[in-house]
């Protein structure tokens, strides 16, 4: 039995879960998310918990059991609390600002980079060049943060660029004279 898959998902009182066949809809104070369960996975609601079961012990069913449970737990947490990723910009002259539905980044290139903010994601920039990416879908928040980081990854010699908050970059030694 999958250790992750057999755990019940606690559903807070402010979140409602609707099950219809293999479709699951989760509604909460922050929004609504939906997903379709994998082929051999079924869900049932018991009191204030959600339990996933698999039809057989095949390799695919066992793999999808834990995956489906993790995705549903992220959906419940997302509509209840939300997710966020923080990015830091380091480098002289590097900055970011939000203009309407675009994130404008100055990262040392000859032109500013304009990033279209997805409609389900909220991006804010602090005064000390920290970008906060937040939303209810964990995978969308993580992918958006990764896309922003890809514009200028931290370089290995001076550490300039966009990095996750708390990310450690081991710097290389430069040329020795």
Protein backbone atom coordinates (compact mmCIF):
# COMPACT_ATOMS: atom_id res chain seq x y z
CA UNK A 1 0.00 0.00 0.00
CA UNK A 2 1.28 3.45 -0.87
CA UNK A 3 2.30 5.28 2.28
CA UNK A 4 1.26 8.61 0.80
CA UNK A 5 -1.86 7.29 -0.94
CA UNK A 6 -3.38 5.69 2.16
CA UNK A 7 -3.29 8.91 4.21
CA UNK A 8 -6.62 10.69 4.47
CA UNK A 9 -6.81 14.32 3.32
CA UNK A 10 -8.23 16.61 6.02
CA UNK A 11 -10.76 19.01 4.51
CA UNK A 12 -11.21 22.29 6.44
CA UNK A 13 -14.76 23.47 7.14
CA UNK A 14 -14.41 26.41 4.71
CA UNK A 15 -13.61 24.05 1.81
CA UNK A 16 -16.20 21.97 -0.05
CA UNK A 17 -15.34 18.92 -2.16
CA UNK A 18 -17.71 17.65 -4.85
CA UNK A 19 -17.22 14.13 -6.22
CA UNK A 20 -18.95 13.02 -9.43
CA UNK A 21 -17.51 9.89 -11.00
CA UNK A 22 -13.82 10.50 -11.58
CA UNK A 23 -14.17 14.31 -11.48
CA UNK A 24 -13.30 16.18 -8.30
CA UNK A 25 -14.12 19.87 -7.74
CA UNK A 26 -12.66 21.68 -4.72
CA UNK A 27 -14.10 25.09 -3.74
CA UNK A 28 -12.77 27.35 -1.02
CA UNK A 29 -12.41 30.96 0.04
CA UNK A 30 -9.55 31.60 -2.42
CA UNK A 31 -11.15 29.99 -5.50
CA UNK A 32 -12.04 26.74 -7.23
CA UNK A 33 -9.92 23.93 -8.70
CA UNK A 34 -10.90 20.72 -10.46
CA UNK A 35 -9.21 17.56 -11.68
CA UNK A 36 -10.01 14.15 -13.10
CA UNK A 37 -8.77 11.17 -11.14
CA UNK A 38 -6.61 8.53 -12.81
CA UNK A 39 -8.29 5.46 -14.30
CA UNK A 40 -8.04 2.97 -11.41
CA UNK A 41 -8.34 5.50 -8.57
CA UNK A 42 -11.56 6.35 -6.73
CA UNK A 43 -12.28 8.89 -4.00
CA UNK A 44 -14.83 8.94 -1.22
CA UNK A 45 -15.64 11.47 1.45
CA UNK A 46 -15.76 10.42 5.08
CA UNK A 47 -16.88 13.14 7.53
CA UNK A 48 -14.30 15.94 7.13
CA UNK A 49 -11.75 13.79 5.28
CA UNK A 50 -11.17 12.60 1.73
CA UNK A 51 -9.89 9.03 1.16
CA UNK A 52 -8.47 7.65 -2.11
CA UNK A 53 -8.53 3.96 -3.01
CA UNK A 54 -7.16 2.00 -5.93
CA UNK A 55 -8.89 -0.79 -7.83
CA UNK A 56 -5.98 -3.24 -8.00
CA UNK A 57 -2.30 -3.67 -7.21
CA UNK A 58 -0.93 -2.99 -10.70
CA UNK A 59 2.17 -0.84 -11.03
CA UNK A 60 0.26 1.99 -12.74
CA UNK A 61 -2.50 2.00 -10.12
CA UNK A 62 0.03 2.09 -7.26
CA UNK A 63 1.92 4.99 -8.87
CA UNK A 64 -1.26 6.98 -9.56
CA UNK A 65 -2.57 6.35 -6.04
CA UNK A 66 0.09 8.45 -4.32
CA UNK A 67 0.16 11.03 -7.13
CA UNK A 68 -3.59 11.59 -7.05
CA UNK A 69 -3.57 11.92 -3.25
CA UNK A 70 -0.76 14.51 -3.39
CA UNK A 71 -2.49 16.52 -6.13
CA UNK A 72 -5.80 16.54 -4.23
CA UNK A 73 -4.08 17.56 -0.98
CA UNK A 74 -2.42 20.45 -2.84
CA UNK A 75 -5.79 21.50 -4.28
CA UNK A 76 -7.41 21.54 -0.83
CA UNK A 77 -4.52 23.51 0.66
CA UNK A 78 -4.43 25.90 -2.31
CA UNK A 79 -8.10 26.94 -2.15
CA UNK A 80 -7.83 27.28 1.65
CA UNK A 81 -4.44 29.01 2.14
CA UNK A 82 -2.82 29.49 -1.28
CA UNK A 83 0.80 29.02 -2.32
CA UNK A 84 3.62 31.49 -2.88
CA UNK A 85 7.22 31.51 -4.09
CA UNK A 86 9.67 34.31 -3.38
CA UNK A 87 12.43 35.33 -5.79
CA UNK A 88 15.37 37.65 -5.17
CA UNK A 89 17.07 39.82 -7.78
CA UNK A 90 20.77 40.45 -7.18
CA UNK A 91 22.96 42.66 -9.31
CA UNK A 92 23.65 46.36 -9.75
CA UNK A 93 20.94 47.94 -11.89
CA UNK A 94 18.78 44.81 -11.87
CA UNK A 95 15.19 45.60 -10.91
CA UNK A 96 11.59 44.55 -11.40
CA UNK A 97 8.22 46.30 -11.41
CA UNK A 98 4.63 45.38 -12.16
CA UNK A 99 2.92 47.48 -14.84
CA UNK A 100 -0.70 46.47 -15.30
CA UNK A 101 -0.76 42.79 -16.33
CA UNK A 102 2.97 42.65 -17.07
CA UNK A 103 6.09 42.14 -14.99
CA UNK A 104 8.89 44.34 -16.38
CA UNK A 105 12.40 43.12 -15.57
CA UNK A 106 15.66 45.00 -16.12
CA UNK A 107 18.32 42.29 -15.93
CA UNK A 108 21.36 43.74 -17.67
CA UNK A 109 20.22 43.08 -21.22
CA UNK A 110 19.96 45.85 -23.83
CA UNK A 111 16.17 45.85 -23.42
CA UNK A 112 13.69 45.38 -20.57
CA UNK A 113 11.97 41.98 -20.43
CA UNK A 114 8.17 42.06 -20.31
CA UNK A 115 6.56 38.96 -18.80
CA UNK A 116 2.78 38.53 -19.17
CA UNK A 117 1.32 37.62 -15.79
CA UNK A 118 -1.09 34.65 -16.08
CA UNK A 119 -4.67 35.53 -15.01
CA UNK A 120 -4.73 33.04 -12.10
CA UNK A 121 -1.36 34.21 -10.67
CA UNK A 122 -0.66 37.33 -8.59
CA UNK A 123 2.82 38.89 -8.68
CA UNK A 124 4.02 41.65 -6.38
CA UNK A 125 7.42 43.33 -6.10
CA UNK A 126 8.77 44.56 -2.75
CA UNK A 127 10.87 47.70 -2.48
CA UNK A 128 14.08 45.64 -2.08
CA UNK A 129 13.66 43.78 -5.42
CA UNK A 130 11.95 40.68 -4.07
CA UNK A 131 9.31 39.17 -6.32
CA UNK A 132 6.42 37.28 -4.72
CA UNK A 133 4.51 34.88 -7.00
CA UNK A 134 1.27 33.62 -5.42
CA UNK A 135 -1.84 31.69 -6.43
CA UNK A 136 -4.03 28.70 -5.59
CA UNK A 137 -2.53 26.13 -7.99
CA UNK A 138 0.83 24.92 -6.68
CA UNK A 139 2.17 23.73 -10.03
CA UNK A 140 1.23 27.00 -11.80
CA UNK A 141 2.90 29.09 -9.08
CA UNK A 142 6.08 27.00 -9.24
CA UNK A 143 6.21 27.05 -13.05
CA UNK A 144 5.66 30.81 -13.21
CA UNK A 145 8.48 31.37 -10.69
CA UNK A 146 10.74 29.06 -12.70
CA UNK A 147 9.93 30.94 -15.92
CA UNK A 148 10.88 34.26 -14.27
CA UNK A 149 14.11 32.74 -12.91
CA UNK A 150 15.02 31.48 -16.41
CA UNK A 151 15.34 35.06 -17.75
CA UNK A 152 18.65 35.45 -15.88
CA UNK A 153 19.82 32.52 -13.79
CA UNK A 154 22.42 33.38 -11.13
CA UNK A 155 25.89 33.29 -12.63
CA UNK A 156 28.57 31.14 -11.03
CA UNK A 157 31.19 33.87 -10.64
CA UNK A 158 29.46 36.93 -9.15
CA UNK A 159 26.04 35.50 -8.18
CA UNK A 160 24.11 38.10 -10.20
CA UNK A 161 20.68 37.16 -11.47
CA UNK A 162 17.28 35.94 -10.29
CA UNK A 163 17.25 33.26 -7.60
CA UNK A 164 14.79 31.69 -5.21
CA UNK A 165 14.82 33.17 -1.71
CA UNK A 166 17.27 31.20 0.40
CA UNK A 167 18.84 29.47 -2.62
CA UNK A 168 22.57 28.96 -2.16
CA UNK A 169 24.82 29.51 -5.15
CA UNK A 170 28.35 28.18 -4.74
CA UNK A 171 30.59 30.73 -6.44
CA UNK A 172 33.59 29.70 -8.51
CA UNK A 173 36.98 31.32 -8.07
CA UNK A 174 37.91 33.68 -10.89
CA UNK A 175 41.18 33.66 -12.79
CA UNK A 176 44.28 33.75 -10.66
CA UNK A 177 46.94 36.15 -11.83
